[in-house]
Amino acid sequence: MELYLLRHGIAVERTADLHDAERPLAPKGQQRTKQVARRLQRLDLHFDGIWTSPLLRARQTATILAETDLAIAPIFYQPLPPAAPLQKA
């Protein structure tokens, strides 16, 4: 088994009126994530699945990867956000 870990793309800056979990990818983050996805595609990679935290920027990153045909639709996995308690899933 091979496991690939990818961090989400560049997100918009933190602000007092925007909850951290709802920070979206910045335009630059979207662009760079698409570039990375195309590079992975050129390497002829295909993932059996994409599991992502429910954070908006992570979901957007996973969706871009799936839209590049690297995998089927992402799985938004609730136990993955920062500071989630360790538990059996």
N, C-alpha and C. Protein backbone atom coordinates (compact mmCIF):
# COMPACT_ATOMS: atom_id res chain seq x y z
N MET A 1 0.83 -1.16 0.00
CA MET A 1 0.00 0.00 0.00
C MET A 1 0.89 1.24 0.00
N GLU A 2 0.48 2.22 -0.76
CA GLU A 2 1.15 3.51 -0.78
C GLU A 2 0.19 4.55 -0.25
N LEU A 3 0.69 5.43 0.60
CA LEU A 3 -0.12 6.47 1.20
C LEU A 3 0.50 7.81 0.84
N TYR A 4 -0.30 8.69 0.28
CA TYR A 4 0.15 10.03 -0.08
C TYR A 4 -0.55 11.02 0.85
N LEU A 5 0.20 11.90 1.46
CA LEU A 5 -0.34 12.94 2.32
C LEU A 5 -0.15 14.28 1.63
N LEU A 6 -1.23 14.98 1.43
CA LEU A 6 -1.17 16.29 0.79
C LEU A 6 -1.79 17.32 1.72
N ARG A 7 -1.14 18.43 1.84
CA ARG A 7 -1.69 19.51 2.66
C ARG A 7 -2.60 20.35 1.77
N HIS A 8 -3.56 20.99 2.37
CA HIS A 8 -4.46 21.84 1.59
C HIS A 8 -3.70 22.98 0.96
N GLY A 9 -4.31 23.58 -0.06
CA GLY A 9 -3.71 24.72 -0.74
C GLY A 9 -3.71 25.96 0.14
N ILE A 10 -3.13 27.02 -0.38
CA ILE A 10 -3.03 28.28 0.34
C ILE A 10 -4.43 28.83 0.59
N ALA A 11 -4.73 29.13 1.83
CA ALA A 11 -6.05 29.64 2.20
C ALA A 11 -6.01 31.16 2.36
N VAL A 12 -7.21 31.76 2.38
CA VAL A 12 -7.28 33.19 2.64
C VAL A 12 -6.80 33.45 4.07
N GLU A 13 -6.39 34.67 4.31
CA GLU A 13 -5.88 35.05 5.63
C GLU A 13 -6.97 34.93 6.70
N ARG A 14 -6.53 34.69 7.90
CA ARG A 14 -7.46 34.64 9.04
C ARG A 14 -7.99 36.04 9.32
N THR A 15 -9.26 36.08 9.67
CA THR A 15 -9.88 37.33 10.10
C THR A 15 -10.76 37.03 11.31
N ALA A 16 -11.09 38.07 12.06
CA ALA A 16 -11.91 37.90 13.25
C ALA A 16 -13.34 37.49 12.90
N ASP A 17 -13.81 37.87 11.72
CA ASP A 17 -15.20 37.58 11.37
C ASP A 17 -15.37 36.30 10.55
N LEU A 18 -14.30 35.54 10.35
CA LEU A 18 -14.38 34.30 9.57
C LEU A 18 -13.83 33.15 10.41
N HIS A 19 -14.68 32.20 10.73
CA HIS A 19 -14.26 31.04 11.51
C HIS A 19 -13.19 30.28 10.73
N ASP A 20 -12.16 29.82 11.43
CA ASP A 20 -11.03 29.15 10.77
C ASP A 20 -11.47 27.99 9.89
N ALA A 21 -12.44 27.21 10.33
CA ALA A 21 -12.88 26.05 9.56
C ALA A 21 -13.53 26.44 8.24
N GLU A 22 -13.96 27.69 8.11
CA GLU A 22 -14.63 28.15 6.90
C GLU A 22 -13.74 29.01 6.00
N ARG A 23 -12.43 29.04 6.29
CA ARG A 23 -11.53 29.79 5.41
C ARG A 23 -11.35 29.03 4.10
N PRO A 24 -11.70 29.64 2.97
CA PRO A 24 -11.57 28.95 1.68
C PRO A 24 -10.15 29.07 1.13
N LEU A 25 -9.91 28.34 0.05
CA LEU A 25 -8.65 28.51 -0.68
C LEU A 25 -8.62 29.92 -1.27
N ALA A 26 -7.46 30.52 -1.23
CA ALA A 26 -7.26 31.80 -1.92
C ALA A 26 -7.16 31.51 -3.41
N PRO A 27 -7.38 32.50 -4.27
CA PRO A 27 -7.22 32.25 -5.71
C PRO A 27 -5.85 31.64 -6.05
N LYS A 28 -4.79 32.14 -5.38
CA LYS A 28 -3.46 31.56 -5.60
C LYS A 28 -3.41 30.11 -5.14
N GLY A 29 -4.10 29.79 -4.05
CA GLY A 29 -4.16 28.42 -3.56
C GLY A 29 -4.89 27.51 -4.52
N GLN A 30 -5.97 27.99 -5.12
CA GLN A 30 -6.69 27.21 -6.13
C GLN A 30 -5.80 26.94 -7.34
N GLN A 31 -5.13 27.99 -7.79
CA GLN A 31 -4.26 27.86 -8.97
C GLN A 31 -3.13 26.86 -8.71
N ARG A 32 -2.46 26.99 -7.59
CA ARG A 32 -1.34 26.08 -7.28
C ARG A 32 -1.81 24.65 -7.06
N THR A 33 -2.97 24.48 -6.45
CA THR A 33 -3.49 23.14 -6.24
C THR A 33 -3.80 22.48 -7.58
N LYS A 34 -4.34 23.24 -8.50
CA LYS A 34 -4.61 22.71 -9.84
C LYS A 34 -3.31 22.32 -10.55
N GLN A 35 -2.26 23.13 -10.35
CA GLN A 35 -0.96 22.80 -10.94
C GLN A 35 -0.42 21.50 -10.38
N VAL A 36 -0.51 21.35 -9.07
CA VAL A 36 -0.04 20.12 -8.42
C VAL A 36 -0.85 18.92 -8.92
N ALA A 37 -2.15 19.08 -9.03
CA ALA A 37 -3.01 17.99 -9.50
C ALA A 37 -2.62 17.57 -10.92
N ARG A 38 -2.34 18.54 -11.77
CA ARG A 38 -1.93 18.20 -13.15
C ARG A 38 -0.58 17.48 -13.16
N ARG A 39 0.32 17.88 -12.29
CA ARG A 39 1.62 17.20 -12.20
C ARG A 39 1.44 15.76 -11.74
N LEU A 40 0.60 15.56 -10.76
CA LEU A 40 0.34 14.19 -10.28
C LEU A 40 -0.30 13.36 -11.38
N GLN A 41 -1.16 13.97 -12.16
CA GLN A 41 -1.81 13.27 -13.27
C GLN A 41 -0.77 12.87 -14.31
N ARG A 42 0.18 13.78 -14.59
CA ARG A 42 1.24 13.45 -15.58
C ARG A 42 2.13 12.32 -15.09
N LEU A 43 2.21 12.13 -13.78
CA LEU A 43 2.96 11.01 -13.21
C LEU A 43 2.16 9.71 -13.29
N ASP A 44 0.97 9.80 -13.85
CA ASP A 44 0.07 8.66 -14.01
C ASP A 44 -0.37 8.08 -12.67
N LEU A 45 -0.58 8.95 -11.70
CA LEU A 45 -1.05 8.51 -10.40
C LEU A 45 -2.58 8.46 -10.40
N HIS A 46 -3.10 7.52 -9.65
CA HIS A 46 -4.53 7.45 -9.40
C HIS A 46 -4.71 6.93 -7.98
N PHE A 47 -5.53 7.61 -7.22
CA PHE A 47 -5.73 7.27 -5.82
C PHE A 47 -7.00 6.44 -5.68
N ASP A 48 -6.95 5.45 -4.80
CA ASP A 48 -8.15 4.65 -4.52
C ASP A 48 -9.17 5.48 -3.75
N GLY A 49 -8.73 6.48 -3.07
CA GLY A 49 -9.63 7.35 -2.33
C GLY A 49 -8.93 8.59 -1.86
N ILE A 50 -9.71 9.61 -1.58
CA ILE A 50 -9.19 10.85 -1.00
C ILE A 50 -10.02 11.12 0.25
N TRP A 51 -9.37 11.07 1.39
CA TRP A 51 -10.04 11.37 2.65
C TRP A 51 -9.58 12.75 3.08
N THR A 52 -10.52 13.56 3.48
CA THR A 52 -10.19 14.93 3.84
C THR A 52 -10.95 15.35 5.08
N SER A 53 -10.38 16.29 5.78
CA SER A 53 -11.08 16.86 6.93
C SER A 53 -12.25 17.71 6.43
N PRO A 54 -13.16 18.06 7.31
CA PRO A 54 -14.29 18.88 6.91
C PRO A 54 -13.98 20.37 6.75
N LEU A 55 -12.73 20.77 7.00
CA LEU A 55 -12.37 22.17 6.80
C LEU A 55 -12.60 22.56 5.34
N LEU A 56 -13.15 23.73 5.11
CA LEU A 56 -13.49 24.15 3.75
C LEU A 56 -12.29 24.09 2.82
N ARG A 57 -11.15 24.61 3.23
CA ARG A 57 -9.98 24.63 2.35
C ARG A 57 -9.49 23.23 2.02
N ALA A 58 -9.62 22.30 2.97
CA ALA A 58 -9.23 20.91 2.72
C ALA A 58 -10.21 20.24 1.76
N ARG A 59 -11.51 20.51 1.94
CA ARG A 59 -12.52 19.96 1.04
C ARG A 59 -12.31 20.49 -0.38
N GLN A 60 -12.01 21.78 -0.50
CA GLN A 60 -11.78 22.36 -1.82
C GLN A 60 -10.56 21.74 -2.49
N THR A 61 -9.50 21.53 -1.73
CA THR A 61 -8.29 20.90 -2.27
C THR A 61 -8.61 19.49 -2.77
N ALA A 62 -9.31 18.71 -1.96
CA ALA A 62 -9.67 17.35 -2.34
C ALA A 62 -10.56 17.33 -3.57
N THR A 63 -11.46 18.27 -3.67
CA THR A 63 -12.35 18.34 -4.83
C THR A 63 -11.57 18.64 -6.10
N ILE A 64 -10.60 19.52 -6.02
CA ILE A 64 -9.76 19.82 -7.19
C ILE A 64 -9.02 18.56 -7.63
N LEU A 65 -8.49 17.79 -6.69
CA LEU A 65 -7.80 16.55 -7.03
C LEU A 65 -8.76 15.57 -7.71
N ALA A 66 -9.96 15.46 -7.19
CA ALA A 66 -10.94 14.54 -7.78
C ALA A 66 -11.37 15.02 -9.16
N GLU A 67 -11.52 16.31 -9.34
CA GLU A 67 -11.92 16.85 -10.65
C GLU A 67 -10.84 16.65 -11.70
N THR A 68 -9.62 16.40 -11.28
CA THR A 68 -8.51 16.13 -12.20
C THR A 68 -8.42 14.64 -12.48
N ASP A 69 -9.43 13.89 -12.05
CA ASP A 69 -9.52 12.44 -12.26
C ASP A 69 -8.41 11.66 -11.57
N LEU A 70 -7.94 12.19 -10.45
CA LEU A 70 -6.95 11.44 -9.66
C LEU A 70 -7.63 10.42 -8.77
N ALA A 71 -8.94 10.59 -8.53
CA ALA A 71 -9.70 9.67 -7.69
C ALA A 71 -11.18 9.99 -7.86
N ILE A 72 -11.99 9.13 -7.28
CA ILE A 72 -13.41 9.42 -7.26
C ILE A 72 -13.67 10.56 -6.28
N ALA A 73 -14.90 10.90 -6.06
CA ALA A 73 -15.24 12.02 -5.17
C ALA A 73 -14.61 11.84 -3.80
N PRO A 74 -14.14 12.93 -3.21
CA PRO A 74 -13.51 12.82 -1.90
C PRO A 74 -14.48 12.42 -0.81
N ILE A 75 -13.93 11.85 0.25
CA ILE A 75 -14.70 11.46 1.43
C ILE A 75 -14.38 12.49 2.51
N PHE A 76 -15.40 13.21 2.95
CA PHE A 76 -15.22 14.21 3.99
C PHE A 76 -15.32 13.52 5.33
N TYR A 77 -14.18 13.31 5.95
CA TYR A 77 -14.05 12.47 7.14
C TYR A 77 -14.08 13.32 8.40
N GLN A 78 -15.15 13.25 9.15
CA GLN A 78 -15.37 14.12 10.31
C GLN A 78 -14.29 14.06 11.39
N PRO A 79 -13.66 12.92 11.67
CA PRO A 79 -12.65 12.91 12.74
C PRO A 79 -11.31 13.57 12.38
N LEU A 80 -11.17 14.18 11.21
CA LEU A 80 -9.87 14.71 10.80
C LEU A 80 -9.61 16.20 11.06
N PRO A 81 -10.52 16.99 11.59
CA PRO A 81 -10.17 18.41 11.77
C PRO A 81 -9.10 18.58 12.85
N PRO A 82 -8.41 19.72 12.85
CA PRO A 82 -7.41 19.98 13.89
C PRO A 82 -8.05 19.86 15.28
N ALA A 83 -7.30 19.37 16.21
CA ALA A 83 -7.70 19.22 17.62
C ALA A 83 -8.84 18.23 17.83
N ALA A 84 -9.10 17.39 16.84
CA ALA A 84 -10.12 16.35 17.03
C ALA A 84 -9.60 15.34 18.03
N PRO A 85 -10.46 14.82 18.87
CA PRO A 85 -9.99 13.83 19.86
C PRO A 85 -9.59 12.53 19.17
N LEU A 86 -8.57 11.90 19.71
CA LEU A 86 -8.17 10.61 19.17
C LEU A 86 -9.20 9.58 19.58
N GLN A 87 -9.66 8.84 18.62
CA GLN A 87 -10.68 7.83 18.88
C GLN A 87 -10.62 6.78 17.79
N LYS A 88 -11.21 5.65 18.03
CA LYS A 88 -11.31 4.64 16.99
C LYS A 88 -12.37 5.10 16.01
N ALA A 89 -12.02 5.03 14.74
CA ALA A 89 -12.99 5.46 13.72
C ALA A 89 -13.70 4.26 13.13
